[in-house]
Amino acid sequence: MGEQPCTPGTITHPHHQRQSNQRALSPLPMAKIQPLPAASSPAPPSSTDEGQQVYTVWMKSLVFNSNGCTVYGADGGVAFRVDNYGCRGGREAFLMDRAGRTLVGIRRRSCFGMFRRWEACRYSESESDGGEETRTAWFAVRKAPGGGAAVTMHGSGRTYAIVGGCSRKPDYRIIGGADGAAVAAVARKQTPAGVVLGDDVLTLTVAPGTDHLLVLGLVVVCGLMNRCL
């Protein structure tokens, strides 16, 4: 029997499971890295920003014996983190803020080959339900026949495309809008001296007016596709 699609509702078990896993795993200290010069600090989670934003993505988890990545802001501090609490290439991963509050959950559905898809839900706390954590279906990603991946937003029907993100190469772009403009780009990080770092240290550039959580969610999907998380 196929899996049920992600629908709005109250979370009953994943939240408690993640809490248990987080207690069982010992978090590493919150590190700082030296960022490249940027115009401003990162915007708060779930917001857009009028200016271009640059993040550094380190494809390593801050949680011991976990798989994920860590996102650093322009100030060099941890802005977001991603963990799947399982084996590399697992079925799901969670994008969290630096305090560990879940913002986006991404789950692979049980399809094969080119028909495999990833579903993303956005998490929030409902004041009317006493602070219970709820999730709402947000977007779906499928591999495209010609390479890359196609993204469909639930509700609005707006589409995006990931160009080059399914080839196990660290460089790719996220395309959105009718004009086909890039809303974000990922590339290997370079130091101010021009030295290119390893393929597990990336620079994520987000265009003005773009939802940062959406872009970060798509970066997580690419990591799951390429078994980097």
C-alpha atoms as a PDB file:
ATOM      1  CA  MET A   1       0.000   0.000   0.000  1.00  0.00           C
ATOM      2  CA  GLY A   2       1.418   3.460  -0.925  1.00  0.00           C
ATOM      3  CA  GLU A   3       2.276   6.034   1.668  1.00  0.00           C
ATOM      4  CA  GLN A   4      -0.222   8.734   2.567  1.00  0.00           C
ATOM      5  CA  PRO A   5       0.638  12.221   1.265  1.00  0.00           C
ATOM      6  CA  CYS A   6       1.748  14.851   3.690  1.00  0.00           C
ATOM      7  CA  THR A   7      -1.325  16.748   4.879  1.00  0.00           C
ATOM      8  CA  PRO A   8      -1.844  19.401   7.534  1.00  0.00           C
ATOM      9  CA  GLY A   9      -2.278  18.021  10.993  1.00  0.00           C
ATOM     10  CA  THR A  10      -0.832  17.673  14.456  1.00  0.00           C
ATOM     11  CA  ILE A  11       2.479  15.879  14.781  1.00  0.00           C
ATOM     12  CA  THR A  12       2.243  12.988  17.199  1.00  0.00           C
ATOM     13  CA  HIS A  13       5.360  10.882  16.834  1.00  0.00           C
ATOM     14  CA  PRO A  14       8.204  12.367  14.668  1.00  0.00           C
ATOM     15  CA  HIS A  15       8.697  15.251  17.089  1.00  0.00           C
ATOM     16  CA  HIS A  16       9.061  12.946  20.086  1.00  0.00           C
ATOM     17  CA  GLN A  17      11.315  10.630  18.101  1.00  0.00           C
ATOM     18  CA  ARG A  18      13.616  13.514  17.201  1.00  0.00           C
ATOM     19  CA  GLN A  19      13.672  14.644  20.837  1.00  0.00           C
ATOM     20  CA  SER A  20      14.700  11.142  21.896  1.00  0.00           C
ATOM     21  CA  ASN A  21      17.368  10.985  19.206  1.00  0.00           C
ATOM     22  CA  GLN A  22      18.694  14.408  20.168  1.00  0.00           C
ATOM     23  CA  ARG A  23      19.024  13.310  23.804  1.00  0.00           C
ATOM     24  CA  ALA A  24      20.845  10.137  22.739  1.00  0.00           C
ATOM     25  CA  LEU A  25      23.301  11.964  20.497  1.00  0.00           C
ATOM     26  CA  SER A  26      25.868  14.358  21.889  1.00  0.00           C
ATOM     27  CA  PRO A  27      25.889  17.703  20.030  1.00  0.00           C
ATOM     28  CA  LEU A  28      29.217  19.168  19.072  1.00  0.00           C
ATOM     29  CA  PRO A  29      29.988  22.778  20.063  1.00  0.00           C
ATOM     30  CA  MET A  30      28.502  25.476  17.850  1.00  0.00           C
ATOM     31  CA  ALA A  31      31.429  26.398  15.640  1.00  0.00           C
ATOM     32  CA  LYS A  32      32.217  29.603  13.799  1.00  0.00           C
ATOM     33  CA  ILE A  33      33.905  29.870  10.448  1.00  0.00           C
ATOM     34  CA  GLN A  34      35.484  32.768   8.647  1.00  0.00           C
ATOM     35  CA  PRO A  35      32.914  34.012   6.109  1.00  0.00           C
ATOM     36  CA  LEU A  36      33.560  35.767   2.825  1.00  0.00           C
ATOM     37  CA  PRO A  37      32.657  39.472   2.862  1.00  0.00           C
ATOM     38  CA  ALA A  38      28.915  40.031   2.576  1.00  0.00           C
ATOM     39  CA  ALA A  39      26.657  43.043   2.483  1.00  0.00           C
ATOM     40  CA  SER A  40      24.551  42.128   5.524  1.00  0.00           C
ATOM     41  CA  SER A  41      23.736  39.445   8.080  1.00  0.00           C
ATOM     42  CA  PRO A  42      21.338  36.591   7.241  1.00  0.00           C
ATOM     43  CA  ALA A  43      17.631  37.245   7.453  1.00  0.00           C
ATOM     44  CA  PRO A  44      15.585  35.520  10.164  1.00  0.00           C
ATOM     45  CA  PRO A  45      14.150  32.086   9.301  1.00  0.00           C
ATOM     46  CA  SER A  46      11.051  31.922   7.082  1.00  0.00           C
ATOM     47  CA  SER A  47      11.629  35.442   5.726  1.00  0.00           C
ATOM     48  CA  THR A  48      12.729  36.959   2.491  1.00  0.00           C
ATOM     49  CA  ASP A  49      15.219  39.776   2.177  1.00  0.00           C
ATOM     50  CA  GLU A  50      15.557  42.690  -0.208  1.00  0.00           C
ATOM     51  CA  GLY A  51      19.286  42.154  -0.657  1.00  0.00           C
ATOM     52  CA  GLN A  52      21.372  39.223  -1.851  1.00  0.00           C
ATOM     53  CA  GLN A  53      22.370  36.842   0.933  1.00  0.00           C
ATOM     54  CA  VAL A  54      25.343  34.482   1.072  1.00  0.00           C
ATOM     55  CA  TYR A  55      25.565  31.374   3.276  1.00  0.00           C
ATOM     56  CA  THR A  56      28.299  28.809   3.747  1.00  0.00           C
ATOM     57  CA  VAL A  57      27.087  25.200   3.736  1.00  0.00           C
ATOM     58  CA  TRP A  58      29.346  22.632   5.388  1.00  0.00           C
ATOM     59  CA  MET A  59      28.195  19.122   4.512  1.00  0.00           C
ATOM     60  CA  LYS A  60      28.793  17.867   8.054  1.00  0.00           C
ATOM     61  CA  SER A  61      26.426  17.516  10.993  1.00  0.00           C
ATOM     62  CA  LEU A  62      27.025  19.162  14.362  1.00  0.00           C
ATOM     63  CA  VAL A  63      25.517  16.066  16.028  1.00  0.00           C
ATOM     64  CA  PHE A  64      27.884  13.181  16.717  1.00  0.00           C
ATOM     65  CA  ASN A  65      27.078  10.024  14.704  1.00  0.00           C
ATOM     66  CA  SER A  66      24.430  11.837  12.657  1.00  0.00           C
ATOM     67  CA  ASN A  67      24.331  12.780   8.967  1.00  0.00           C
ATOM     68  CA  GLY A  68      23.451  16.263   7.801  1.00  0.00           C
ATOM     69  CA  CYS A  69      24.923  19.664   7.112  1.00  0.00           C
ATOM     70  CA  THR A  70      25.468  22.990   8.835  1.00  0.00           C
ATOM     71  CA  VAL A  71      24.580  26.396   7.367  1.00  0.00           C
ATOM     72  CA  TYR A  72      26.590  29.431   8.458  1.00  0.00           C
ATOM     73  CA  GLY A  73      25.507  33.040   8.054  1.00  0.00           C
ATOM     74  CA  ALA A  74      27.548  35.967   6.826  1.00  0.00           C
ATOM     75  CA  ASP A  75      28.734  36.626  10.409  1.00  0.00           C
ATOM     76  CA  GLY A  76      30.331  33.164  10.614  1.00  0.00           C
ATOM     77  CA  GLY A  77      27.816  31.834  13.157  1.00  0.00           C
ATOM     78  CA  VAL A  78      25.507  28.854  12.763  1.00  0.00           C
ATOM     79  CA  ALA A  79      22.232  29.953  11.140  1.00  0.00           C
ATOM     80  CA  PHE A  80      20.598  26.574  10.367  1.00  0.00           C
ATOM     81  CA  ARG A  81      21.410  22.896  10.669  1.00  0.00           C
ATOM     82  CA  VAL A  82      20.173  19.732   8.980  1.00  0.00           C
ATOM     83  CA  ASP A  83      20.093  16.202  10.423  1.00  0.00           C
ATOM     84  CA  ASN A  84      18.486  12.931   9.381  1.00  0.00           C
ATOM     85  CA  TYR A  85      19.287  10.944  12.562  1.00  0.00           C
ATOM     86  CA  GLY A  86      19.943   7.872  10.444  1.00  0.00           C
ATOM     87  CA  CYS A  87      22.216   6.428   7.794  1.00  0.00           C
ATOM     88  CA  ARG A  88      23.550   8.517   4.936  1.00  0.00           C
ATOM     89  CA  GLY A  89      20.987   8.736   2.138  1.00  0.00           C
ATOM     90  CA  GLY A  90      18.102   8.126   4.550  1.00  0.00           C
ATOM     91  CA  ARG A  91      14.433   8.637   3.771  1.00  0.00           C
ATOM     92  CA  GLU A  92      14.015  11.955   5.585  1.00  0.00           C
ATOM     93  CA  ALA A  93      15.852  14.952   6.961  1.00  0.00           C
ATOM     94  CA  PHE A  94      14.919  17.981   9.054  1.00  0.00           C
ATOM     95  CA  LEU A  95      15.972  21.594   8.589  1.00  0.00           C
ATOM     96  CA  MET A  96      16.224  23.333  11.959  1.00  0.00           C
ATOM     97  CA  ASP A  97      17.260  26.684  13.326  1.00  0.00           C
ATOM     98  CA  ARG A  98      20.379  26.833  15.474  1.00  0.00           C
ATOM     99  CA  ALA A  99      18.337  26.106  18.621  1.00  0.00           C
ATOM    100  CA  GLY A 100      17.049  22.821  17.162  1.00  0.00           C
ATOM    101  CA  ARG A 101      13.503  23.958  16.359  1.00  0.00           C
ATOM    102  CA  THR A 102      12.248  22.122  13.263  1.00  0.00           C
ATOM    103  CA  LEU A 103      11.377  24.420  10.368  1.00  0.00           C
ATOM    104  CA  VAL A 104      11.106  22.065   7.378  1.00  0.00           C
ATOM    105  CA  GLY A 105      10.787  18.280   7.113  1.00  0.00           C
ATOM    106  CA  ILE A 106      11.662  16.481   3.874  1.00  0.00           C
ATOM    107  CA  ARG A 107      10.719  12.868   3.192  1.00  0.00           C
ATOM    108  CA  ARG A 108      11.429  10.581   0.242  1.00  0.00           C
ATOM    109  CA  ARG A 109       8.407   8.747  -1.080  1.00  0.00           C
ATOM    110  CA  SER A 110       8.611   5.078  -2.087  1.00  0.00           C
ATOM    111  CA  CYS A 111       8.945   5.452  -5.843  1.00  0.00           C
ATOM    112  CA  PHE A 112      11.829   4.210  -7.976  1.00  0.00           C
ATOM    113  CA  GLY A 113      14.226   5.691 -10.493  1.00  0.00           C
ATOM    114  CA  MET A 114      12.962   8.732 -12.365  1.00  0.00           C
ATOM    115  CA  PHE A 115       9.595   8.518 -10.567  1.00  0.00           C
ATOM    116  CA  ARG A 116      11.096   8.995  -7.107  1.00  0.00           C
ATOM    117  CA  ARG A 117       9.928  12.147  -5.394  1.00  0.00           C
ATOM    118  CA  TRP A 118      10.593  14.119  -2.230  1.00  0.00           C
ATOM    119  CA  GLU A 119       7.854  15.859  -0.244  1.00  0.00           C
ATOM    120  CA  ALA A 120       8.490  18.833   2.028  1.00  0.00           C
ATOM    121  CA  CYS A 121       6.349  20.039   4.925  1.00  0.00           C
ATOM    122  CA  ARG A 122       6.669  23.322   6.759  1.00  0.00           C
ATOM    123  CA  TYR A 123       6.479  23.112  10.560  1.00  0.00           C
ATOM    124  CA  SER A 124       4.874  25.622  12.893  1.00  0.00           C
ATOM    125  CA  GLU A 125       3.551  25.840  16.423  1.00  0.00           C
ATOM    126  CA  SER A 126      -0.186  26.367  16.806  1.00  0.00           C
ATOM    127  CA  GLU A 127      -1.126  28.807  19.582  1.00  0.00           C
ATOM    128  CA  SER A 128      -4.737  27.588  19.519  1.00  0.00           C
ATOM    129  CA  ASP A 129      -3.588  24.019  20.258  1.00  0.00           C
ATOM    130  CA  GLY A 130      -1.395  24.932  23.186  1.00  0.00           C
ATOM    131  CA  GLY A 131       1.824  25.159  21.200  1.00  0.00           C
ATOM    132  CA  GLU A 132       1.451  21.769  19.491  1.00  0.00           C
ATOM    133  CA  GLU A 133       3.727  21.334  16.481  1.00  0.00           C
ATOM    134  CA  THR A 134       1.841  21.120  13.184  1.00  0.00           C
ATOM    135  CA  ARG A 135       2.990  20.610   9.611  1.00  0.00           C
ATOM    136  CA  THR A 136       1.657  21.796   6.275  1.00  0.00           C
ATOM    137  CA  ALA A 137       2.464  20.342   2.858  1.00  0.00           C
ATOM    138  CA  TRP A 138       4.752  22.814   1.085  1.00  0.00           C
ATOM    139  CA  PHE A 139       6.444  21.515  -2.080  1.00  0.00           C
ATOM    140  CA  ALA A 140       7.344  18.362  -4.014  1.00  0.00           C
ATOM    141  CA  VAL A 141      10.497  17.573  -6.015  1.00  0.00           C
ATOM    142  CA  ARG A 142      10.863  15.036  -8.831  1.00  0.00           C
ATOM    143  CA  LYS A 143      13.892  14.196 -10.931  1.00  0.00           C
ATOM    144  CA  ALA A 144      13.521  15.586 -14.440  1.00  0.00           C
ATOM    145  CA  PRO A 145      13.965  13.283 -17.488  1.00  0.00           C
ATOM    146  CA  GLY A 146      16.636  15.542 -19.011  1.00  0.00           C
ATOM    147  CA  GLY A 147      18.573  15.942 -15.763  1.00  0.00           C
ATOM    148  CA  GLY A 148      18.119  18.131 -12.730  1.00  0.00           C
ATOM    149  CA  ALA A 149      14.799  18.221 -10.915  1.00  0.00           C
ATOM    150  CA  ALA A 150      11.368  19.858 -11.099  1.00  0.00           C
ATOM    151  CA  VAL A 151       9.817  21.573  -8.066  1.00  0.00           C
ATOM    152  CA  THR A 152       6.072  22.153  -7.589  1.00  0.00           C
ATOM    153  CA  MET A 153       4.701  24.324  -4.794  1.00  0.00           C
ATOM    154  CA  HIS A 154       1.552  22.955  -3.142  1.00  0.00           C
ATOM    155  CA  GLY A 155      -1.395  25.320  -3.259  1.00  0.00           C
ATOM    156  CA  SER A 156       0.031  27.989  -5.562  1.00  0.00           C
ATOM    157  CA  GLY A 157       1.156  25.651  -8.339  1.00  0.00           C
ATOM    158  CA  ARG A 158       4.283  27.756  -8.855  1.00  0.00           C
ATOM    159  CA  THR A 159       7.210  25.796 -10.244  1.00  0.00           C
ATOM    160  CA  TYR A 160      10.976  25.897  -9.905  1.00  0.00           C
ATOM    161  CA  ALA A 161      13.758  23.892 -11.517  1.00  0.00           C
ATOM    162  CA  ILE A 162      17.035  22.604 -10.092  1.00  0.00           C
ATOM    163  CA  VAL A 163      19.669  22.691 -12.835  1.00  0.00           C
ATOM    164  CA  GLY A 164      22.636  20.397 -12.292  1.00  0.00           C
ATOM    165  CA  GLY A 165      21.758  19.349  -8.742  1.00  0.00           C
ATOM    166  CA  CYS A 166      21.355  15.620  -9.418  1.00  0.00           C
ATOM    167  CA  SER A 167      24.756  14.914 -10.979  1.00  0.00           C
ATOM    168  CA  ARG A 168      26.725  14.540  -7.719  1.00  0.00           C
ATOM    169  CA  LYS A 169      28.556  17.761  -8.593  1.00  0.00           C
ATOM    170  CA  PRO A 170      28.557  20.522  -5.978  1.00  0.00           C
ATOM    171  CA  ASP A 171      27.661  23.322  -8.440  1.00  0.00           C
ATOM    172  CA  TYR A 172      24.012  23.895  -9.384  1.00  0.00           C
ATOM    173  CA  ARG A 173      21.353  26.586  -9.739  1.00  0.00           C
ATOM    174  CA  ILE A 174      17.721  26.959  -8.683  1.00  0.00           C
ATOM    175  CA  ILE A 175      15.575  28.568 -11.369  1.00  0.00           C
ATOM    176  CA  GLY A 176      12.208  30.171 -10.701  1.00  0.00           C
ATOM    177  CA  GLY A 177       9.701  32.509 -12.258  1.00  0.00           C
ATOM    178  CA  ALA A 178       8.424  32.958 -15.789  1.00  0.00           C
ATOM    179  CA  ASP A 179      11.630  34.704 -16.880  1.00  0.00           C
ATOM    180  CA  GLY A 180      13.768  31.696 -15.930  1.00  0.00           C
ATOM    181  CA  ALA A 181      16.014  33.746 -13.672  1.00  0.00           C
ATOM    182  CA  ALA A 182      18.151  32.038 -11.028  1.00  0.00           C
ATOM    183  CA  VAL A 183      16.862  32.551  -7.478  1.00  0.00           C
ATOM    184  CA  ALA A 184      19.849  30.782  -5.899  1.00  0.00           C
ATOM    185  CA  ALA A 185      23.172  29.229  -6.821  1.00  0.00           C
ATOM    186  CA  VAL A 186      25.448  26.722  -5.086  1.00  0.00           C
ATOM    187  CA  ALA A 187      29.175  26.425  -5.760  1.00  0.00           C
ATOM    188  CA  ARG A 188      32.340  25.268  -4.023  1.00  0.00           C
ATOM    189  CA  LYS A 189      33.537  27.890  -1.587  1.00  0.00           C
ATOM    190  CA  GLN A 190      36.602  29.974  -2.387  1.00  0.00           C
ATOM    191  CA  THR A 191      38.759  31.749   0.148  1.00  0.00           C
ATOM    192  CA  PRO A 192      39.501  35.487  -0.268  1.00  0.00           C
ATOM    193  CA  ALA A 193      42.860  34.389  -1.752  1.00  0.00           C
ATOM    194  CA  GLY A 194      41.036  32.403  -4.460  1.00  0.00           C
ATOM    195  CA  VAL A 195      41.723  28.916  -3.065  1.00  0.00           C
ATOM    196  CA  VAL A 196      38.859  26.519  -3.855  1.00  0.00           C
ATOM    197  CA  LEU A 197      37.910  24.412  -0.835  1.00  0.00           C
ATOM    198  CA  GLY A 198      36.752  20.787  -0.857  1.00  0.00           C
ATOM    199  CA  ASP A 199      33.439  19.733  -2.345  1.00  0.00           C
ATOM    200  CA  ASP A 200      31.904  19.487   1.145  1.00  0.00           C
ATOM    201  CA  VAL A 201      32.239  23.264   1.763  1.00  0.00           C
ATOM    202  CA  LEU A 202      29.827  25.224  -0.417  1.00  0.00           C
ATOM    203  CA  THR A 203      28.724  28.805  -0.945  1.00  0.00           C
ATOM    204  CA  LEU A 204      24.969  29.329  -1.262  1.00  0.00           C
ATOM    205  CA  THR A 205      23.940  32.651  -2.822  1.00  0.00           C
ATOM    206  CA  VAL A 206      20.272  33.622  -2.497  1.00  0.00           C
ATOM    207  CA  ALA A 207      18.810  36.291  -4.779  1.00  0.00           C
ATOM    208  CA  PRO A 208      16.907  39.291  -3.370  1.00  0.00           C
ATOM    209  CA  GLY A 209      13.270  38.674  -2.456  1.00  0.00           C
ATOM    210  CA  THR A 210      13.659  34.892  -2.318  1.00  0.00           C
ATOM    211  CA  ASP A 211      12.355  32.730   0.536  1.00  0.00           C
ATOM    212  CA  HIS A 212      15.498  31.473   2.260  1.00  0.00           C
ATOM    213  CA  LEU A 213      13.788  28.450   3.792  1.00  0.00           C
ATOM    214  CA  LEU A 214      12.541  27.326   0.391  1.00  0.00           C
ATOM    215  CA  VAL A 215      16.055  27.526  -1.058  1.00  0.00           C
ATOM    216  CA  LEU A 216      17.564  25.735   1.936  1.00  0.00           C
ATOM    217  CA  GLY A 217      14.895  23.041   1.666  1.00  0.00           C
ATOM    218  CA  LEU A 218      15.841  22.461  -1.971  1.00  0.00           C
ATOM    219  CA  VAL A 219      19.520  22.275  -1.017  1.00  0.00           C
ATOM    220  CA  VAL A 220      18.573  19.536   1.467  1.00  0.00           C
ATOM    221  CA  VAL A 221      16.679  17.658  -1.269  1.00  0.00           C
ATOM    222  CA  CYS A 222      19.756  17.790  -3.511  1.00  0.00           C
ATOM    223  CA  GLY A 223      21.827  16.415  -0.636  1.00  0.00           C
ATOM    224  CA  LEU A 224      19.385  13.522  -0.207  1.00  0.00           C
ATOM    225  CA  MET A 225      19.297  12.852  -3.953  1.00  0.00           C
ATOM    226  CA  ASN A 226      23.083  12.624  -4.074  1.00  0.00           C
ATOM    227  CA  ARG A 227      23.325  10.691  -0.767  1.00  0.00           C
ATOM    228  CA  CYS A 228      25.377  13.493   0.796  1.00  0.00           C
ATOM    229  CA  LEU A 229      23.120  13.656   3.886  1.00  0.00           C
END
